Amino acid sequence: MLKIRLMGKTNDIKWYRKILDRDKRVRVTEHSEILPLGNSRRFFRGYSQVERADGKP
């Protein structure tokens, strides 16, 4: 299992999450909510947990 931290603008985070969801090589187990990055109003962060789709370690 990997936990991936995504940082950037909200549209960029949503765009990359869609790529992860569509990729047949990985299975997404969780997406966190998108939160502000520190005190920034422009940049945000989110987390995604993924596993290999074939079940191998």
C-alpha atoms as a PDB file:
ATOM      1  CA  MET A   1       0.000   0.000   0.000  1.00  0.00           C
ATOM      2  CA  LEU A   2       1.199   3.485  -0.817  1.00  0.00           C
ATOM      3  CA  LYS A   3      -0.049   6.766   0.553  1.00  0.00           C
ATOM      4  CA  ILE A   4       0.456   9.522  -2.003  1.00  0.00           C
ATOM      5  CA  ARG A   5       0.385  13.188  -1.039  1.00  0.00           C
ATOM      6  CA  LEU A   6      -0.963  15.419  -3.790  1.00  0.00           C
ATOM      7  CA  MET A   7      -0.216  19.132  -3.604  1.00  0.00           C
ATOM      8  CA  GLY A   8      -1.345  21.908  -5.914  1.00  0.00           C
ATOM      9  CA  LYS A   9      -4.477  23.664  -7.035  1.00  0.00           C
ATOM     10  CA  THR A  10      -7.788  21.863  -6.474  1.00  0.00           C
ATOM     11  CA  ASN A  11      -8.387  21.293 -10.191  1.00  0.00           C
ATOM     12  CA  ASP A  12      -4.960  19.674 -10.557  1.00  0.00           C
ATOM     13  CA  ILE A  13      -5.568  17.373  -7.580  1.00  0.00           C
ATOM     14  CA  LYS A  14      -8.976  16.305  -8.932  1.00  0.00           C
ATOM     15  CA  TRP A  15      -7.457  15.753 -12.391  1.00  0.00           C
ATOM     16  CA  TYR A  16      -4.750  13.463 -11.023  1.00  0.00           C
ATOM     17  CA  ARG A  17      -7.204  11.550  -8.852  1.00  0.00           C
ATOM     18  CA  LYS A  18      -9.199  10.721 -11.983  1.00  0.00           C
ATOM     19  CA  ILE A  19      -6.025   9.377 -13.590  1.00  0.00           C
ATOM     20  CA  LEU A  20      -5.410   7.153 -10.557  1.00  0.00           C
ATOM     21  CA  ASP A  21      -9.025   5.928 -10.560  1.00  0.00           C
ATOM     22  CA  ARG A  22      -8.839   4.944 -14.253  1.00  0.00           C
ATOM     23  CA  ASP A  23      -5.445   3.232 -14.117  1.00  0.00           C
ATOM     24  CA  LYS A  24      -5.965  -0.549 -14.198  1.00  0.00           C
ATOM     25  CA  ARG A  25      -2.565  -1.237 -12.599  1.00  0.00           C
ATOM     26  CA  VAL A  26      -3.552   0.246  -9.235  1.00  0.00           C
ATOM     27  CA  ARG A  27      -6.581   0.010  -6.975  1.00  0.00           C
ATOM     28  CA  VAL A  28      -7.441   3.184  -5.061  1.00  0.00           C
ATOM     29  CA  THR A  29      -8.583   2.351  -1.549  1.00  0.00           C
ATOM     30  CA  GLU A  30      -9.135   5.902  -0.299  1.00  0.00           C
ATOM     31  CA  HIS A  31      -9.070   9.568  -1.258  1.00  0.00           C
ATOM     32  CA  SER A  32      -8.975  12.136   1.539  1.00  0.00           C
ATOM     33  CA  GLU A  33     -10.747  15.449   1.387  1.00  0.00           C
ATOM     34  CA  ILE A  34      -8.858  18.346  -0.151  1.00  0.00           C
ATOM     35  CA  LEU A  35      -7.515  20.701   2.520  1.00  0.00           C
ATOM     36  CA  PRO A  36      -5.611  24.018   2.391  1.00  0.00           C
ATOM     37  CA  LEU A  37      -1.840  23.744   2.352  1.00  0.00           C
ATOM     38  CA  GLY A  38      -0.814  25.689   5.452  1.00  0.00           C
ATOM     39  CA  ASN A  39      -2.242  29.199   5.370  1.00  0.00           C
ATOM     40  CA  SER A  40      -2.378  29.315   1.568  1.00  0.00           C
ATOM     41  CA  ARG A  41      -5.594  30.191  -0.216  1.00  0.00           C
ATOM     42  CA  ARG A  42      -4.168  29.107  -3.554  1.00  0.00           C
ATOM     43  CA  PHE A  43      -2.597  25.700  -2.912  1.00  0.00           C
ATOM     44  CA  PHE A  44      -4.150  22.594  -1.389  1.00  0.00           C
ATOM     45  CA  ARG A  45      -3.250  19.038  -0.415  1.00  0.00           C
ATOM     46  CA  GLY A  46      -4.947  15.691  -0.504  1.00  0.00           C
ATOM     47  CA  TYR A  47      -3.969  12.078   0.030  1.00  0.00           C
ATOM     48  CA  SER A  48      -4.677   8.933  -1.953  1.00  0.00           C
ATOM     49  CA  GLN A  49      -4.049   5.374  -0.833  1.00  0.00           C
ATOM     50  CA  VAL A  50      -3.349   2.867  -3.583  1.00  0.00           C
ATOM     51  CA  GLU A  51      -2.488  -0.815  -3.880  1.00  0.00           C
ATOM     52  CA  ARG A  52      -1.330  -2.955  -6.748  1.00  0.00           C
ATOM     53  CA  ALA A  53      -4.334  -4.265  -8.659  1.00  0.00           C
ATOM     54  CA  ASP A  54      -2.758  -7.699  -9.156  1.00  0.00           C
ATOM     55  CA  GLY A  55      -2.515  -8.240  -5.395  1.00  0.00           C
ATOM     56  CA  LYS A  56       1.235  -8.809  -5.354  1.00  0.00           C
ATOM     57  CA  PRO A  57       3.228  -7.337  -2.460  1.00  0.00           C
END
